[in-house]
Amino acid sequence: MISGAIAMGSIVVSLFFLRYWRSSKDRFFLYFAASFALEAVTRVMLGLSSPESEGAPLFYLTRVVAYGLILIAIYEKNSGKKS
């Protein structure tokens, strides 16, 4: 149940960032929206799988990609690249 609540929260945050991306066209918000959407997908996959599979490399890989998107967004925003 907790995994579902986290997935729902991640989707809400993703939609929030998508709304800001649509109005500003700043890739920063798009990266954050994609990261939270990926986190929601990961949580749904965890909720549907057996508890023993939580340590599977696929779950760690999707989290690394999600956090990598956040790092890329922060780097691009601070480096002064145009969106």
PDB file of N, CA and C in Angstrom:
ATOM      1  N   MET A   1       0.812  -1.178   0.000  1.00  0.00           N
ATOM      2  CA  MET A   1       0.000   0.000   0.000  1.00  0.00           C
ATOM      3  C   MET A   1       0.870   1.262   0.000  1.00  0.00           C
ATOM      4  N   ILE A   2       1.944   1.243   0.752  1.00  0.00           N
ATOM      5  CA  ILE A   2       2.843   2.394   0.811  1.00  0.00           C
ATOM      6  C   ILE A   2       3.468   2.642  -0.557  1.00  0.00           C
ATOM      7  N   SER A   3       3.824   1.568  -1.241  1.00  0.00           N
ATOM      8  CA  SER A   3       4.424   1.714  -2.567  1.00  0.00           C
ATOM      9  C   SER A   3       3.454   2.398  -3.533  1.00  0.00           C
ATOM     10  N   GLY A   4       2.179   2.068  -3.429  1.00  0.00           N
ATOM     11  CA  GLY A   4       1.171   2.710  -4.267  1.00  0.00           C
ATOM     12  C   GLY A   4       1.012   4.180  -3.943  1.00  0.00           C
ATOM     13  N   ALA A   5       1.073   4.527  -2.670  1.00  0.00           N
ATOM     14  CA  ALA A   5       0.981   5.937  -2.273  1.00  0.00           C
ATOM     15  C   ALA A   5       2.185   6.724  -2.783  1.00  0.00           C
ATOM     16  N   ILE A   6       3.352   6.130  -2.722  1.00  0.00           N
ATOM     17  CA  ILE A   6       4.550   6.790  -3.228  1.00  0.00           C
ATOM     18  C   ILE A   6       4.464   6.954  -4.745  1.00  0.00           C
ATOM     19  N   ALA A   7       3.961   5.932  -5.439  1.00  0.00           N
ATOM     20  CA  ALA A   7       3.796   6.012  -6.895  1.00  0.00           C
ATOM     21  C   ALA A   7       2.810   7.115  -7.256  1.00  0.00           C
ATOM     22  N   MET A   8       1.701   7.208  -6.540  1.00  0.00           N
ATOM     23  CA  MET A   8       0.719   8.247  -6.798  1.00  0.00           C
ATOM     24  C   MET A   8       1.305   9.634  -6.551  1.00  0.00           C
ATOM     25  N   GLY A   9       2.046   9.772  -5.471  1.00  0.00           N
ATOM     26  CA  GLY A   9       2.696  11.052  -5.187  1.00  0.00           C
ATOM     27  C   GLY A   9       3.701  11.429  -6.256  1.00  0.00           C
ATOM     28  N   SER A  10       4.439  10.447  -6.742  1.00  0.00           N
ATOM     29  CA  SER A  10       5.421  10.716  -7.798  1.00  0.00           C
ATOM     30  C   SER A  10       4.743  11.158  -9.089  1.00  0.00           C
ATOM     31  N   ILE A  11       3.602  10.549  -9.410  1.00  0.00           N
ATOM     32  CA  ILE A  11       2.859  10.950 -10.610  1.00  0.00           C
ATOM     33  C   ILE A  11       2.348  12.380 -10.461  1.00  0.00           C
ATOM     34  N   VAL A  12       1.852  12.728  -9.282  1.00  0.00           N
ATOM     35  CA  VAL A  12       1.352  14.088  -9.051  1.00  0.00           C
ATOM     36  C   VAL A  12       2.476  15.104  -9.207  1.00  0.00           C
ATOM     37  N   VAL A  13       3.626  14.799  -8.634  1.00  0.00           N
ATOM     38  CA  VAL A  13       4.775  15.707  -8.752  1.00  0.00           C
ATOM     39  C   VAL A  13       5.228  15.797 -10.208  1.00  0.00           C
ATOM     40  N   SER A  14       5.221  14.675 -10.914  1.00  0.00           N
ATOM     41  CA  SER A  14       5.599  14.676 -12.325  1.00  0.00           C
ATOM     42  C   SER A  14       4.664  15.566 -13.139  1.00  0.00           C
ATOM     43  N   LEU A  15       3.368  15.457 -12.903  1.00  0.00           N
ATOM     44  CA  LEU A  15       2.406  16.306 -13.608  1.00  0.00           C
ATOM     45  C   LEU A  15       2.579  17.772 -13.249  1.00  0.00           C
ATOM     46  N   PHE A  16       2.929  18.047 -12.018  1.00  0.00           N
ATOM     47  CA  PHE A  16       3.208  19.407 -11.568  1.00  0.00           C
ATOM     48  C   PHE A  16       4.376  20.008 -12.361  1.00  0.00           C
ATOM     49  N   PHE A  17       5.467  19.233 -12.492  1.00  0.00           N
ATOM     50  CA  PHE A  17       6.622  19.704 -13.254  1.00  0.00           C
ATOM     51  C   PHE A  17       6.309  19.823 -14.746  1.00  0.00           C
ATOM     52  N   LEU A  18       5.484  18.924 -15.268  1.00  0.00           N
ATOM     53  CA  LEU A  18       5.085  19.025 -16.677  1.00  0.00           C
ATOM     54  C   LEU A  18       4.307  20.302 -16.949  1.00  0.00           C
ATOM     55  N   ARG A  19       3.479  20.705 -16.007  1.00  0.00           N
ATOM     56  CA  ARG A  19       2.721  21.947 -16.166  1.00  0.00           C
ATOM     57  C   ARG A  19       3.670  23.141 -16.259  1.00  0.00           C
ATOM     58  N   TYR A  20       4.689  23.166 -15.397  1.00  0.00           N
ATOM     59  CA  TYR A  20       5.655  24.258 -15.456  1.00  0.00           C
ATOM     60  C   TYR A  20       6.502  24.197 -16.723  1.00  0.00           C
ATOM     61  N   TRP A  21       6.802  22.991 -17.188  1.00  0.00           N
ATOM     62  CA  TRP A  21       7.568  22.873 -18.426  1.00  0.00           C
ATOM     63  C   TRP A  21       6.767  23.420 -19.610  1.00  0.00           C
ATOM     64  N   ARG A  22       5.476  23.107 -19.657  1.00  0.00           N
ATOM     65  CA  ARG A  22       4.627  23.577 -20.766  1.00  0.00           C
ATOM     66  C   ARG A  22       4.547  25.097 -20.803  1.00  0.00           C
ATOM     67  N   SER A  23       4.562  25.734 -19.646  1.00  0.00           N
ATOM     68  CA  SER A  23       4.456  27.193 -19.637  1.00  0.00           C
ATOM     69  C   SER A  23       5.796  27.885 -19.851  1.00  0.00           C
ATOM     70  N   SER A  24       6.899  27.244 -19.452  1.00  0.00           N
ATOM     71  CA  SER A  24       8.203  27.914 -19.556  1.00  0.00           C
ATOM     72  C   SER A  24       9.112  27.336 -20.632  1.00  0.00           C
ATOM     73  N   LYS A  25       8.864  26.097 -21.066  1.00  0.00           N
ATOM     74  CA  LYS A  25       9.717  25.388 -22.033  1.00  0.00           C
ATOM     75  C   LYS A  25      11.154  25.244 -21.528  1.00  0.00           C
ATOM     76  N   ASP A  26      11.330  25.234 -20.213  1.00  0.00           N
ATOM     77  CA  ASP A  26      12.641  25.042 -19.599  1.00  0.00           C
ATOM     78  C   ASP A  26      12.864  23.545 -19.385  1.00  0.00           C
ATOM     79  N   ARG A  27      13.945  23.027 -19.947  1.00  0.00           N
ATOM     80  CA  ARG A  27      14.218  21.586 -19.852  1.00  0.00           C
ATOM     81  C   ARG A  27      14.406  21.106 -18.425  1.00  0.00           C
ATOM     82  N   PHE A  28      14.765  22.009 -17.542  1.00  0.00           N
ATOM     83  CA  PHE A  28      14.922  21.675 -16.129  1.00  0.00           C
ATOM     84  C   PHE A  28      13.667  20.982 -15.609  1.00  0.00           C
ATOM     85  N   PHE A  29      12.510  21.544 -15.893  1.00  0.00           N
ATOM     86  CA  PHE A  29      11.245  20.976 -15.435  1.00  0.00           C
ATOM     87  C   PHE A  29      10.926  19.668 -16.154  1.00  0.00           C
ATOM     88  N   LEU A  30      11.307  19.563 -17.409  1.00  0.00           N
ATOM     89  CA  LEU A  30      11.071  18.332 -18.163  1.00  0.00           C
ATOM     90  C   LEU A  30      11.891  17.181 -17.591  1.00  0.00           C
ATOM     91  N   TYR A  31      13.141  17.438 -17.248  1.00  0.00           N
ATOM     92  CA  TYR A  31      13.984  16.407 -16.644  1.00  0.00           C
ATOM     93  C   TYR A  31      13.417  15.946 -15.300  1.00  0.00           C
ATOM     94  N   PHE A  32      12.968  16.897 -14.496  1.00  0.00           N
ATOM     95  CA  PHE A  32      12.396  16.535 -13.210  1.00  0.00           C
ATOM     96  C   PHE A  32      11.103  15.741 -13.390  1.00  0.00           C
ATOM     97  N   ALA A  33      10.268  16.127 -14.348  1.00  0.00           N
ATOM     98  CA  ALA A  33       9.025  15.392 -14.612  1.00  0.00           C
ATOM     99  C   ALA A  33       9.333  13.965 -15.045  1.00  0.00           C
ATOM    100  N   ALA A  34      10.311  13.801 -15.921  1.00  0.00           N
ATOM    101  CA  ALA A  34      10.681  12.459 -16.371  1.00  0.00           C
ATOM    102  C   ALA A  34      11.244  11.633 -15.221  1.00  0.00           C
ATOM    103  N   SER A  35      12.017  12.261 -14.363  1.00  0.00           N
ATOM    104  CA  SER A  35      12.600  11.550 -13.230  1.00  0.00           C
ATOM    105  C   SER A  35      11.517  11.037 -12.283  1.00  0.00           C
ATOM    106  N   PHE A  36      10.559  11.874 -11.961  1.00  0.00           N
ATOM    107  CA  PHE A  36       9.499  11.447 -11.052  1.00  0.00           C
ATOM    108  C   PHE A  36       8.569  10.427 -11.705  1.00  0.00           C
ATOM    109  N   ALA A  37       8.346  10.541 -13.002  1.00  0.00           N
ATOM    110  CA  ALA A  37       7.534   9.539 -13.702  1.00  0.00           C
ATOM    111  C   ALA A  37       8.242   8.191 -13.687  1.00  0.00           C
ATOM    112  N   LEU A  38       9.538   8.198 -13.888  1.00  0.00           N
ATOM    113  CA  LEU A  38      10.316   6.958 -13.838  1.00  0.00           C
ATOM    114  C   LEU A  38      10.295   6.358 -12.429  1.00  0.00           C
ATOM    115  N   GLU A  39      10.363   7.209 -11.440  1.00  0.00           N
ATOM    116  CA  GLU A  39      10.272   6.720 -10.058  1.00  0.00           C
ATOM    117  C   GLU A  39       8.903   6.094  -9.793  1.00  0.00           C
ATOM    118  N   ALA A  40       7.845   6.681 -10.340  1.00  0.00           N
ATOM    119  CA  ALA A  40       6.503   6.106 -10.172  1.00  0.00           C
ATOM    120  C   ALA A  40       6.408   4.740 -10.834  1.00  0.00           C
ATOM    121  N   VAL A  41       6.976   4.616 -12.024  1.00  0.00           N
ATOM    122  CA  VAL A  41       6.968   3.325 -12.715  1.00  0.00           C
ATOM    123  C   VAL A  41       7.726   2.289 -11.892  1.00  0.00           C
ATOM    124  N   THR A  42       8.841   2.686 -11.320  1.00  0.00           N
ATOM    125  CA  THR A  42       9.629   1.775 -10.487  1.00  0.00           C
ATOM    126  C   THR A  42       8.822   1.312  -9.278  1.00  0.00           C
ATOM    127  N   ARG A  43       8.116   2.243  -8.650  1.00  0.00           N
ATOM    128  CA  ARG A  43       7.318   1.883  -7.472  1.00  0.00           C
ATOM    129  C   ARG A  43       6.175   0.936  -7.829  1.00  0.00           C
ATOM    130  N   VAL A  44       5.555   1.156  -8.975  1.00  0.00           N
ATOM    131  CA  VAL A  44       4.486   0.246  -9.414  1.00  0.00           C
ATOM    132  C   VAL A  44       5.063  -1.133  -9.688  1.00  0.00           C
ATOM    133  N   MET A  45       6.218  -1.188 -10.358  1.00  0.00           N
ATOM    134  CA  MET A  45       6.855  -2.480 -10.620  1.00  0.00           C
ATOM    135  C   MET A  45       7.213  -3.189  -9.317  1.00  0.00           C
ATOM    136  N   LEU A  46       7.694  -2.433  -8.334  1.00  0.00           N
ATOM    137  CA  LEU A  46       8.013  -3.031  -7.034  1.00  0.00           C
ATOM    138  C   LEU A  46       6.759  -3.561  -6.349  1.00  0.00           C
ATOM    139  N   GLY A  47       5.671  -2.817  -6.456  1.00  0.00           N
ATOM    140  CA  GLY A  47       4.429  -3.244  -5.829  1.00  0.00           C
ATOM    141  C   GLY A  47       3.847  -4.499  -6.458  1.00  0.00           C
ATOM    142  N   LEU A  48       4.077  -4.685  -7.745  1.00  0.00           N
ATOM    143  CA  LEU A  48       3.537  -5.841  -8.447  1.00  0.00           C
ATOM    144  C   LEU A  48       4.441  -7.063  -8.398  1.00  0.00           C
ATOM    145  N   SER A  49       5.684  -6.881  -7.996  1.00  0.00           N
ATOM    146  CA  SER A  49       6.621  -8.003  -7.967  1.00  0.00           C
ATOM    147  C   SER A  49       6.691  -8.591  -6.564  1.00  0.00           C
ATOM    148  N   SER A  50       7.404  -9.678  -6.455  1.00  0.00           N
ATOM    149  CA  SER A  50       7.570 -10.319  -5.150  1.00  0.00           C
ATOM    150  C   SER A  50       8.585  -9.533  -4.321  1.00  0.00           C
ATOM    151  N   PRO A  51       8.461  -9.596  -2.991  1.00  0.00           N
ATOM    152  CA  PRO A  51       9.384  -8.837  -2.132  1.00  0.00           C
ATOM    153  C   PRO A  51      10.852  -9.227  -2.305  1.00  0.00           C
ATOM    154  N   GLU A  52      11.100 -10.462  -2.725  1.00  0.00           N
ATOM    155  CA  GLU A  52      12.487 -10.908  -2.890  1.00  0.00           C
ATOM    156  C   GLU A  52      13.173 -10.230  -4.073  1.00  0.00           C
ATOM    157  N   SER A  53      12.396  -9.726  -5.017  1.00  0.00           N
ATOM    158  CA  SER A  53      12.998  -9.156  -6.225  1.00  0.00           C
ATOM    159  C   SER A  53      13.356  -7.686  -6.066  1.00  0.00           C
ATOM    160  N   GLU A  54      13.170  -7.122  -4.866  1.00  0.00           N
ATOM    161  CA  GLU A  54      13.480  -5.704  -4.667  1.00  0.00           C
ATOM    162  C   GLU A  54      14.955  -5.396  -4.909  1.00  0.00           C
ATOM    163  N   GLY A  55      15.810  -6.358  -4.696  1.00  0.00           N
ATOM    164  CA  GLY A  55      17.236  -6.165  -4.897  1.00  0.00           C
ATOM    165  C   GLY A  55      17.687  -6.409  -6.322  1.00  0.00           C
ATOM    166  N   ALA A  56      16.751  -6.611  -7.234  1.00  0.00           N
ATOM    167  CA  ALA A  56      17.102  -6.886  -8.633  1.00  0.00           C
ATOM    168  C   ALA A  56      17.770  -5.669  -9.266  1.00  0.00           C
ATOM    169  N   PRO A  57      18.740  -5.904 -10.132  1.00  0.00           N
ATOM    170  CA  PRO A  57      19.456  -4.798 -10.772  1.00  0.00           C
ATOM    171  C   PRO A  57      18.563  -3.850 -11.570  1.00  0.00           C
ATOM    172  N   LEU A  58      17.452  -4.348 -12.100  1.00  0.00           N
ATOM    173  CA  LEU A  58      16.555  -3.499 -12.878  1.00  0.00           C
ATOM    174  C   LEU A  58      16.020  -2.343 -12.042  1.00  0.00           C
ATOM    175  N   PHE A  59      15.667  -2.605 -10.791  1.00  0.00           N
ATOM    176  CA  PHE A  59      15.140  -1.550  -9.929  1.00  0.00           C
ATOM    177  C   PHE A  59      16.212  -0.520  -9.594  1.00  0.00           C
ATOM    178  N   TYR A  60      17.418  -0.994  -9.372  1.00  0.00           N
ATOM    179  CA  TYR A  60      18.505  -0.057  -9.095  1.00  0.00           C
ATOM    180  C   TYR A  60      18.858   0.753 -10.339  1.00  0.00           C
ATOM    181  N   LEU A  61      18.828   0.131 -11.483  1.00  0.00           N
ATOM    182  CA  LEU A  61      19.156   0.835 -12.724  1.00  0.00           C
ATOM    183  C   LEU A  61      18.153   1.949 -13.009  1.00  0.00           C
ATOM    184  N   THR A  62      16.877   1.675 -12.809  1.00  0.00           N
ATOM    185  CA  THR A  62      15.884   2.726 -13.065  1.00  0.00           C
ATOM    186  C   THR A  62      16.029   3.875 -12.079  1.00  0.00           C
ATOM    187  N   ARG A  63      16.387   3.578 -10.854  1.00  0.00           N
ATOM    188  CA  ARG A  63      16.621   4.652  -9.873  1.00  0.00           C
ATOM    189  C   ARG A  63      17.858   5.462 -10.236  1.00  0.00           C
ATOM    190  N   VAL A  64      18.896   4.803 -10.697  1.00  0.00           N
ATOM    191  CA  VAL A  64      20.112   5.524 -11.109  1.00  0.00           C
ATOM    192  C   VAL A  64      19.794   6.457 -12.276  1.00  0.00           C
ATOM    193  N   VAL A  65      19.005   5.981 -13.231  1.00  0.00           N
ATOM    194  CA  VAL A  65      18.617   6.825 -14.371  1.00  0.00           C
ATOM    195  C   VAL A  65      17.787   8.010 -13.885  1.00  0.00           C
ATOM    196  N   ALA A  66      16.841   7.769 -12.973  1.00  0.00           N
ATOM    197  CA  ALA A  66      15.996   8.849 -12.459  1.00  0.00           C
ATOM    198  C   ALA A  66      16.835   9.905 -11.735  1.00  0.00           C
ATOM    199  N   TYR A  67      17.736   9.473 -10.886  1.00  0.00           N
ATOM    200  CA  TYR A  67      18.578  10.421 -10.158  1.00  0.00           C
ATOM    201  C   TYR A  67      19.585  11.085 -11.095  1.00  0.00           C
ATOM    202  N   GLY A  68      20.009  10.360 -12.122  1.00  0.00           N
ATOM    203  CA  GLY A  68      20.896  10.956 -13.129  1.00  0.00           C
ATOM    204  C   GLY A  68      20.207  12.085 -13.878  1.00  0.00           C
ATOM    205  N   LEU A  69      18.930  11.921 -14.173  1.00  0.00           N
ATOM    206  CA  LEU A  69      18.177  12.999 -14.827  1.00  0.00           C
ATOM    207  C   LEU A  69      18.122  14.250 -13.962  1.00  0.00           C
ATOM    208  N   ILE A  70      17.969  14.065 -12.658  1.00  0.00           N
ATOM    209  CA  ILE A  70      17.961  15.211 -11.747  1.00  0.00           C
ATOM    210  C   ILE A  70      19.329  15.885 -11.744  1.00  0.00           C
ATOM    211  N   LEU A  71      20.393  15.098 -11.713  1.00  0.00           N
ATOM    212  CA  LEU A  71      21.744  15.678 -11.731  1.00  0.00           C
ATOM    213  C   LEU A  71      22.021  16.420 -13.031  1.00  0.00           C
ATOM    214  N   ILE A  72      21.561  15.875 -14.160  1.00  0.00           N
ATOM    215  CA  ILE A  72      21.735  16.547 -15.443  1.00  0.00           C
ATOM    216  C   ILE A  72      20.977  17.870 -15.453  1.00  0.00           C
ATOM    217  N   ALA A  73      19.761  17.863 -14.927  1.00  0.00           N
ATOM    218  CA  ALA A  73      18.962  19.091 -14.879  1.00  0.00           C
ATOM    219  C   ALA A  73      19.662  20.165 -14.056  1.00  0.00           C
ATOM    220  N   ILE A  74      20.169  19.781 -12.903  1.00  0.00           N
ATOM    221  CA  ILE A  74      20.857  20.750 -12.040  1.00  0.00           C
ATOM    222  C   ILE A  74      22.125  21.249 -12.697  1.00  0.00           C
ATOM    223  N   TYR A  75      22.865  20.356 -13.321  1.00  0.00           N
ATOM    224  CA  TYR A  75      24.106  20.755 -13.999  1.00  0.00           C
ATOM    225  C   TYR A  75      23.825  21.744 -15.126  1.00  0.00           C
ATOM    226  N   GLU A  76      22.836  21.416 -15.969  1.00  0.00           N
ATOM    227  CA  GLU A  76      22.518  22.310 -17.086  1.00  0.00           C
ATOM    228  C   GLU A  76      22.026  23.663 -16.591  1.00  0.00           C
ATOM    229  N   LYS A  77      21.252  23.688 -15.532  1.00  0.00           N
ATOM    230  CA  LYS A  77      20.731  24.940 -15.012  1.00  0.00           C
ATOM    231  C   LYS A  77      21.854  25.807 -14.459  1.00  0.00           C
ATOM    232  N   ASN A  78      22.830  25.187 -13.819  1.00  0.00           N
ATOM    233  CA  ASN A  78      23.927  25.941 -13.220  1.00  0.00           C
ATOM    234  C   ASN A  78      25.038  26.270 -14.202  1.00  0.00           C
ATOM    235  N   SER A  79      25.117  25.544 -15.317  1.00  0.00           N
ATOM    236  CA  SER A  79      26.177  25.825 -16.265  1.00  0.00           C
ATOM    237  C   SER A  79      25.809  26.950 -17.221  1.00  0.00           C
ATOM    238  N   GLY A  80      24.560  27.365 -17.206  1.00  0.00           N
ATOM    239  CA  GLY A  80      24.149  28.483 -18.031  1.00  0.00           C
ATOM    240  C   GLY A  80      23.769  28.116 -19.453  1.00  0.00           C
ATOM    241  N   LYS A  81      23.601  26.826 -19.723  1.00  0.00           N
ATOM    242  CA  LYS A  81      23.164  26.416 -21.070  1.00  0.00           C
ATOM    243  C   LYS A  81      21.742  26.897 -21.295  1.00  0.00           C
ATOM    244  N   LYS A  82      21.456  27.271 -22.530  1.00  0.00           N
ATOM    245  CA  LYS A  82      20.108  27.701 -22.878  1.00  0.00           C
ATOM    246  C   LYS A  82      19.186  26.498 -22.966  1.00  0.00           C
ATOM    247  N   SER A  83      17.948  26.663 -22.542  1.00  0.00           N
ATOM    248  CA  SER A  83      16.967  25.570 -22.581  1.00  0.00           C
ATOM    249  C   SER A  83      16.381  25.440 -23.927  1.00  0.00           C
TER     250      SER A  83
END
